[in-house]
Amino acid sequence: MNRFLSPVIAIAVGLLVLLGYFLPNNALLAGLRTTFVQWAVVLAAVALLVGVFNLLSVHIKKISAKEKGRFYSLLLVISLLITFFMGIFLGTDSAAMQTLFDSVILPVESSLLAIMVVTLIYAAIRLLRHRNDLMAFVFLGTVLIIMFAAAPLPFLQSPGLDEEIRPFIASIFSVFSSSGARGILIGVALGSLLTGLRVLIGADRPYGGK
């Protein structure tokens, strides 16, 4: 019975939400759409919370078993619990959470971006070892020019360089980067649309547990 009931519920809810977007003036469909979307948000939040607790249990087992790298697991557990309880009792908009974000999360994200830059340069150099064509040199040149326009240069500071040349290069390449970002977002949107349509017609059944 579950094989037939679950697809019927999923397809019916999906169609009602879709009709609620196409017919916003219909109060009944708009109310159902809002209710179903809110339920989906709550379920997604619960799924995220379950994933966090699963991560916590895995690292607690690693600490109790005295496995290699348990110090980092202990650090992760303590950081996760501190952040979790601070978010619950102080609120996400509190000054303490903002200080935590500015002191920990923001530097970590900056470090990841720095690692990405080094990885891009390394990938471009390795690309030249395997492909010596025009596109490989274009890729390497693009990476170097973007780094020159965006990265701080402490030993090459001059009014003309910092106020005219680098902003001009950054404005040119911002067009290409924003175009690439739009292309990626369009691809994600089309993929999400196709996945949703496959769920609506019952071709994919991610709710079946198999």
C-alpha atoms as a PDB file:
ATOM      1  CA  MET A   1       0.000   0.000   0.000  1.00  0.00           C
ATOM      2  CA  ASN A   2       2.899   2.358   0.783  1.00  0.00           C
ATOM      3  CA  ARG A   3       4.235   1.938  -2.763  1.00  0.00           C
ATOM      4  CA  PHE A   4       1.091   3.591  -4.159  1.00  0.00           C
ATOM      5  CA  LEU A   5       0.129   5.921  -1.319  1.00  0.00           C
ATOM      6  CA  SER A   6       3.467   7.769  -1.083  1.00  0.00           C
ATOM      7  CA  PRO A   7       3.622   8.712  -4.810  1.00  0.00           C
ATOM      8  CA  VAL A   8      -0.024   9.847  -4.728  1.00  0.00           C
ATOM      9  CA  ILE A   9       0.609  12.123  -1.732  1.00  0.00           C
ATOM     10  CA  ALA A  10       3.846  13.493  -3.202  1.00  0.00           C
ATOM     11  CA  ILE A  11       2.310  14.178  -6.622  1.00  0.00           C
ATOM     12  CA  ALA A  12      -0.842  15.756  -5.119  1.00  0.00           C
ATOM     13  CA  VAL A  13       1.137  18.040  -2.796  1.00  0.00           C
ATOM     14  CA  GLY A  14       3.530  19.001  -5.591  1.00  0.00           C
ATOM     15  CA  LEU A  15       0.699  19.869  -7.962  1.00  0.00           C
ATOM     16  CA  LEU A  16      -1.079  21.932  -5.308  1.00  0.00           C
ATOM     17  CA  VAL A  17       2.077  23.910  -4.575  1.00  0.00           C
ATOM     18  CA  LEU A  18       2.669  24.413  -8.292  1.00  0.00           C
ATOM     19  CA  LEU A  19      -0.907  25.588  -8.856  1.00  0.00           C
ATOM     20  CA  GLY A  20      -0.539  27.940  -5.893  1.00  0.00           C
ATOM     21  CA  TYR A  21       2.359  29.656  -7.662  1.00  0.00           C
ATOM     22  CA  PHE A  22       0.551  29.857 -11.001  1.00  0.00           C
ATOM     23  CA  LEU A  23      -2.753  30.994  -9.453  1.00  0.00           C
ATOM     24  CA  PRO A  24      -1.732  33.407  -6.665  1.00  0.00           C
ATOM     25  CA  ASN A  25      -5.159  35.086  -6.587  1.00  0.00           C
ATOM     26  CA  ASN A  26      -6.842  31.882  -5.443  1.00  0.00           C
ATOM     27  CA  ALA A  27      -6.950  32.124  -1.640  1.00  0.00           C
ATOM     28  CA  LEU A  28      -7.345  28.380  -1.084  1.00  0.00           C
ATOM     29  CA  LEU A  29      -4.418  27.381  -3.303  1.00  0.00           C
ATOM     30  CA  ALA A  30      -2.255  30.197  -1.926  1.00  0.00           C
ATOM     31  CA  GLY A  31      -2.968  29.094   1.635  1.00  0.00           C
ATOM     32  CA  LEU A  32      -2.212  25.446   0.836  1.00  0.00           C
ATOM     33  CA  ARG A  33       0.979  26.429  -0.944  1.00  0.00           C
ATOM     34  CA  THR A  34       2.168  28.498   2.031  1.00  0.00           C
ATOM     35  CA  THR A  35       1.307  25.726   4.492  1.00  0.00           C
ATOM     36  CA  PHE A  36       3.047  22.998   2.497  1.00  0.00           C
ATOM     37  CA  VAL A  37       6.150  25.135   1.951  1.00  0.00           C
ATOM     38  CA  GLN A  38       6.335  25.896   5.680  1.00  0.00           C
ATOM     39  CA  TRP A  39       6.033  22.198   6.459  1.00  0.00           C
ATOM     40  CA  ALA A  40       8.828  21.477   3.987  1.00  0.00           C
ATOM     41  CA  VAL A  41      11.051  24.080   5.640  1.00  0.00           C
ATOM     42  CA  VAL A  42      10.388  22.543   9.068  1.00  0.00           C
ATOM     43  CA  LEU A  43      11.146  19.048   7.750  1.00  0.00           C
ATOM     44  CA  ALA A  44      14.371  20.287   6.138  1.00  0.00           C
ATOM     45  CA  ALA A  45      15.398  21.906   9.430  1.00  0.00           C
ATOM     46  CA  VAL A  46      14.667  18.667  11.317  1.00  0.00           C
ATOM     47  CA  ALA A  47      16.675  16.689   8.752  1.00  0.00           C
ATOM     48  CA  LEU A  48      19.593  19.109   9.181  1.00  0.00           C
ATOM     49  CA  LEU A  49      19.348  18.761  12.965  1.00  0.00           C
ATOM     50  CA  VAL A  50      19.342  14.965  12.671  1.00  0.00           C
ATOM     51  CA  GLY A  51      22.451  15.190  10.479  1.00  0.00           C
ATOM     52  CA  VAL A  52      24.189  17.397  13.049  1.00  0.00           C
ATOM     53  CA  PHE A  53      23.372  14.975  15.868  1.00  0.00           C
ATOM     54  CA  ASN A  54      24.589  12.085  13.729  1.00  0.00           C
ATOM     55  CA  LEU A  55      27.883  13.924  13.157  1.00  0.00           C
ATOM     56  CA  LEU A  56      28.082  14.561  16.901  1.00  0.00           C
ATOM     57  CA  SER A  57      27.499  10.897  17.750  1.00  0.00           C
ATOM     58  CA  VAL A  58      30.140   9.740  15.252  1.00  0.00           C
ATOM     59  CA  HIS A  59      32.802  11.973  16.783  1.00  0.00           C
ATOM     60  CA  ILE A  60      31.778  11.071  20.346  1.00  0.00           C
ATOM     61  CA  LYS A  61      32.254   7.394  19.459  1.00  0.00           C
ATOM     62  CA  LYS A  62      35.631   8.272  17.966  1.00  0.00           C
ATOM     63  CA  ILE A  63      36.648  10.002  21.195  1.00  0.00           C
ATOM     64  CA  SER A  64      35.435   7.150  23.397  1.00  0.00           C
ATOM     65  CA  ALA A  65      37.271   4.591  21.239  1.00  0.00           C
ATOM     66  CA  LYS A  66      40.488   6.673  21.505  1.00  0.00           C
ATOM     67  CA  GLU A  67      41.024   6.622  17.765  1.00  0.00           C
ATOM     68  CA  LYS A  68      43.630   8.662  15.936  1.00  0.00           C
ATOM     69  CA  GLY A  69      42.697  12.314  15.610  1.00  0.00           C
ATOM     70  CA  ARG A  70      40.358  12.264  18.612  1.00  0.00           C
ATOM     71  CA  PHE A  71      41.687  15.660  19.711  1.00  0.00           C
ATOM     72  CA  TYR A  72      40.171  17.252  16.596  1.00  0.00           C
ATOM     73  CA  SER A  73      36.952  15.346  17.210  1.00  0.00           C
ATOM     74  CA  LEU A  74      36.856  16.709  20.772  1.00  0.00           C
ATOM     75  CA  LEU A  75      37.470  20.215  19.463  1.00  0.00           C
ATOM     76  CA  LEU A  76      34.659  19.810  16.928  1.00  0.00           C
ATOM     77  CA  VAL A  77      32.216  18.516  19.578  1.00  0.00           C
ATOM     78  CA  ILE A  78      32.989  21.364  21.983  1.00  0.00           C
ATOM     79  CA  SER A  79      32.718  23.998  19.245  1.00  0.00           C
ATOM     80  CA  LEU A  80      29.468  22.532  17.956  1.00  0.00           C
ATOM     81  CA  LEU A  81      27.875  22.443  21.421  1.00  0.00           C
ATOM     82  CA  ILE A  82      28.986  25.980  22.277  1.00  0.00           C
ATOM     83  CA  THR A  83      27.656  27.346  18.983  1.00  0.00           C
ATOM     84  CA  PHE A  84      24.418  25.364  19.288  1.00  0.00           C
ATOM     85  CA  PHE A  85      23.577  26.553  22.797  1.00  0.00           C
ATOM     86  CA  MET A  86      24.645  30.117  22.058  1.00  0.00           C
ATOM     87  CA  GLY A  87      22.296  30.170  19.076  1.00  0.00           C
ATOM     88  CA  ILE A  88      19.403  28.796  21.168  1.00  0.00           C
ATOM     89  CA  PHE A  89      19.742  30.919  24.299  1.00  0.00           C
ATOM     90  CA  LEU A  90      21.242  34.126  22.879  1.00  0.00           C
ATOM     91  CA  GLY A  91      19.668  34.163  19.431  1.00  0.00           C
ATOM     92  CA  THR A  92      21.290  34.282  16.036  1.00  0.00           C
ATOM     93  CA  ASP A  93      21.160  38.098  15.933  1.00  0.00           C
ATOM     94  CA  SER A  94      22.979  38.614  19.227  1.00  0.00           C
ATOM     95  CA  ALA A  95      26.304  40.392  19.570  1.00  0.00           C
ATOM     96  CA  ALA A  96      27.962  37.199  20.816  1.00  0.00           C
ATOM     97  CA  MET A  97      26.954  35.266  17.691  1.00  0.00           C
ATOM     98  CA  GLN A  98      28.141  38.122  15.482  1.00  0.00           C
ATOM     99  CA  THR A  99      31.490  38.139  17.326  1.00  0.00           C
ATOM    100  CA  LEU A 100      31.717  34.371  16.889  1.00  0.00           C
ATOM    101  CA  PHE A 101      31.030  34.742  13.183  1.00  0.00           C
ATOM    102  CA  ASP A 102      33.610  37.509  12.755  1.00  0.00           C
ATOM    103  CA  SER A 103      36.244  35.692  14.820  1.00  0.00           C
ATOM    104  CA  VAL A 104      35.875  32.099  13.608  1.00  0.00           C
ATOM    105  CA  ILE A 105      33.642  31.528  10.601  1.00  0.00           C
ATOM    106  CA  LEU A 106      34.776  34.520   8.543  1.00  0.00           C
ATOM    107  CA  PRO A 107      38.531  33.737   8.885  1.00  0.00           C
ATOM    108  CA  VAL A 108      37.867  30.081   8.030  1.00  0.00           C
ATOM    109  CA  GLU A 109      35.985  31.091   4.862  1.00  0.00           C
ATOM    110  CA  SER A 110      38.808  33.494   3.931  1.00  0.00           C
ATOM    111  CA  SER A 111      41.348  30.690   4.405  1.00  0.00           C
ATOM    112  CA  LEU A 112      39.302  28.397   2.183  1.00  0.00           C
ATOM    113  CA  LEU A 113      39.225  31.073  -0.521  1.00  0.00           C
ATOM    114  CA  ALA A 114      43.001  31.465  -0.248  1.00  0.00           C
ATOM    115  CA  ILE A 115      43.415  27.696  -0.621  1.00  0.00           C
ATOM    116  CA  MET A 116      41.154  27.816  -3.678  1.00  0.00           C
ATOM    117  CA  VAL A 117      43.401  30.448  -5.293  1.00  0.00           C
ATOM    118  CA  VAL A 118      46.501  28.328  -4.704  1.00  0.00           C
ATOM    119  CA  THR A 119      44.649  25.287  -6.054  1.00  0.00           C
ATOM    120  CA  LEU A 120      43.680  27.177  -9.209  1.00  0.00           C
ATOM    121  CA  ILE A 121      47.285  28.200  -9.872  1.00  0.00           C
ATOM    122  CA  TYR A 122      48.533  24.671  -9.223  1.00  0.00           C
ATOM    123  CA  ALA A 123      45.863  23.238 -11.525  1.00  0.00           C
ATOM    124  CA  ALA A 124      46.805  25.727 -14.250  1.00  0.00           C
ATOM    125  CA  ILE A 125      50.496  24.802 -13.991  1.00  0.00           C
ATOM    126  CA  ARG A 126      49.696  21.084 -14.113  1.00  0.00           C
ATOM    127  CA  LEU A 127      47.433  21.751 -17.091  1.00  0.00           C
ATOM    128  CA  LEU A 128      50.386  23.203 -18.990  1.00  0.00           C
ATOM    129  CA  ARG A 129      52.316  19.971 -18.418  1.00  0.00           C
ATOM    130  CA  HIS A 130      49.625  17.948 -20.195  1.00  0.00           C
ATOM    131  CA  ARG A 131      48.209  20.490 -22.648  1.00  0.00           C
ATOM    132  CA  ASN A 132      50.247  23.208 -24.299  1.00  0.00           C
ATOM    133  CA  ASP A 133      47.444  24.617 -26.403  1.00  0.00           C
ATOM    134  CA  LEU A 134      45.968  28.105 -26.500  1.00  0.00           C
ATOM    135  CA  MET A 135      43.142  27.479 -24.033  1.00  0.00           C
ATOM    136  CA  ALA A 136      45.567  26.309 -21.338  1.00  0.00           C
ATOM    137  CA  PHE A 137      47.523  29.564 -21.600  1.00  0.00           C
ATOM    138  CA  VAL A 138      44.264  31.538 -21.614  1.00  0.00           C
ATOM    139  CA  PHE A 139      43.201  29.782 -18.402  1.00  0.00           C
ATOM    140  CA  LEU A 140      46.520  30.489 -16.674  1.00  0.00           C
ATOM    141  CA  GLY A 141      46.567  34.093 -17.878  1.00  0.00           C
ATOM    142  CA  THR A 142      43.003  34.651 -16.660  1.00  0.00           C
ATOM    143  CA  VAL A 143      43.831  33.316 -13.196  1.00  0.00           C
ATOM    144  CA  LEU A 144      46.920  35.517 -12.911  1.00  0.00           C
ATOM    145  CA  ILE A 145      45.120  38.655 -14.131  1.00  0.00           C
ATOM    146  CA  ILE A 146      42.219  38.122 -11.714  1.00  0.00           C
ATOM    147  CA  MET A 147      44.686  37.622  -8.856  1.00  0.00           C
ATOM    148  CA  PHE A 148      46.498  40.803  -9.867  1.00  0.00           C
ATOM    149  CA  ALA A 149      43.222  42.723  -9.845  1.00  0.00           C
ATOM    150  CA  ALA A 150      41.803  41.291  -6.614  1.00  0.00           C
ATOM    151  CA  ALA A 151      44.678  40.274  -4.328  1.00  0.00           C
ATOM    152  CA  PRO A 152      46.485  42.860  -2.183  1.00  0.00           C
ATOM    153  CA  LEU A 153      49.954  43.724  -3.439  1.00  0.00           C
ATOM    154  CA  PRO A 154      51.965  45.219  -0.539  1.00  0.00           C
ATOM    155  CA  PHE A 155      55.139  45.805  -2.582  1.00  0.00           C
ATOM    156  CA  LEU A 156      53.487  47.246  -5.689  1.00  0.00           C
ATOM    157  CA  GLN A 157      51.418  50.118  -4.378  1.00  0.00           C
ATOM    158  CA  SER A 158      50.968  53.257  -6.440  1.00  0.00           C
ATOM    159  CA  PRO A 159      48.053  55.698  -6.970  1.00  0.00           C
ATOM    160  CA  GLY A 160      47.688  54.867 -10.648  1.00  0.00           C
ATOM    161  CA  LEU A 161      47.824  51.113 -10.071  1.00  0.00           C
ATOM    162  CA  ASP A 162      45.406  50.959  -7.141  1.00  0.00           C
ATOM    163  CA  GLU A 163      42.947  53.633  -8.288  1.00  0.00           C
ATOM    164  CA  GLU A 164      42.794  53.132 -12.064  1.00  0.00           C
ATOM    165  CA  ILE A 165      44.393  49.971 -13.463  1.00  0.00           C
ATOM    166  CA  ARG A 166      43.265  47.376 -10.914  1.00  0.00           C
ATOM    167  CA  PRO A 167      39.637  48.637 -10.676  1.00  0.00           C
ATOM    168  CA  PHE A 168      39.472  48.707 -14.486  1.00  0.00           C
ATOM    169  CA  ILE A 169      40.671  45.095 -14.746  1.00  0.00           C
ATOM    170  CA  ALA A 170      38.301  44.032 -11.959  1.00  0.00           C
ATOM    171  CA  SER A 171      35.333  45.693 -13.679  1.00  0.00           C
ATOM    172  CA  ILE A 172      36.088  43.873 -16.936  1.00  0.00           C
ATOM    173  CA  PHE A 173      36.462  40.447 -15.391  1.00  0.00           C
ATOM    174  CA  SER A 174      33.452  40.957 -13.125  1.00  0.00           C
ATOM    175  CA  VAL A 175      31.321  40.772 -16.279  1.00  0.00           C
ATOM    176  CA  PHE A 176      32.747  37.345 -17.166  1.00  0.00           C
ATOM    177  CA  SER A 177      32.537  36.058 -13.590  1.00  0.00           C
ATOM    178  CA  SER A 178      28.932  37.205 -13.172  1.00  0.00           C
ATOM    179  CA  SER A 179      28.065  35.615 -16.522  1.00  0.00           C
ATOM    180  CA  GLY A 180      29.589  32.324 -15.403  1.00  0.00           C
ATOM    181  CA  ALA A 181      27.726  32.513 -12.090  1.00  0.00           C
ATOM    182  CA  ARG A 182      24.448  33.128 -13.925  1.00  0.00           C
ATOM    183  CA  GLY A 183      25.133  30.144 -16.165  1.00  0.00           C
ATOM    184  CA  ILE A 184      25.748  27.929 -13.137  1.00  0.00           C
ATOM    185  CA  LEU A 185      22.553  29.169 -11.467  1.00  0.00           C
ATOM    186  CA  ILE A 186      20.565  28.527 -14.656  1.00  0.00           C
ATOM    187  CA  GLY A 187      21.964  24.992 -14.768  1.00  0.00           C
ATOM    188  CA  VAL A 188      21.047  24.429 -11.111  1.00  0.00           C
ATOM    189  CA  ALA A 189      17.538  25.772 -11.749  1.00  0.00           C
ATOM    190  CA  LEU A 190      17.035  23.516 -14.779  1.00  0.00           C
ATOM    191  CA  GLY A 191      18.340  20.503 -12.871  1.00  0.00           C
ATOM    192  CA  SER A 192      16.035  21.243  -9.934  1.00  0.00           C
ATOM    193  CA  LEU A 193      13.098  21.699 -12.313  1.00  0.00           C
ATOM    194  CA  LEU A 194      13.804  18.397 -14.043  1.00  0.00           C
ATOM    195  CA  THR A 195      14.162  16.603 -10.703  1.00  0.00           C
ATOM    196  CA  GLY A 196      10.886  18.103  -9.482  1.00  0.00           C
ATOM    197  CA  LEU A 197       9.083  17.042 -12.660  1.00  0.00           C
ATOM    198  CA  ARG A 198      10.432  13.495 -12.335  1.00  0.00           C
ATOM    199  CA  VAL A 199       9.121  13.371  -8.756  1.00  0.00           C
ATOM    200  CA  LEU A 200       5.757  14.770  -9.857  1.00  0.00           C
ATOM    201  CA  ILE A 201       5.281  12.133 -12.533  1.00  0.00           C
ATOM    202  CA  GLY A 202       6.499   9.373 -10.206  1.00  0.00           C
ATOM    203  CA  ALA A 203       9.647   8.520 -12.189  1.00  0.00           C
ATOM    204  CA  ASP A 204      11.845   9.237  -9.146  1.00  0.00           C
ATOM    205  CA  ARG A 205      10.740   8.302  -5.637  1.00  0.00           C
ATOM    206  CA  PRO A 206      13.291   9.672  -3.161  1.00  0.00           C
ATOM    207  CA  TYR A 207      10.775   9.325  -0.314  1.00  0.00           C
ATOM    208  CA  GLY A 208      10.670   5.527  -0.610  1.00  0.00           C
ATOM    209  CA  GLY A 209      13.857   4.938   1.360  1.00  0.00           C
ATOM    210  CA  LYS A 210      15.503   2.924  -1.455  1.00  0.00           C
END
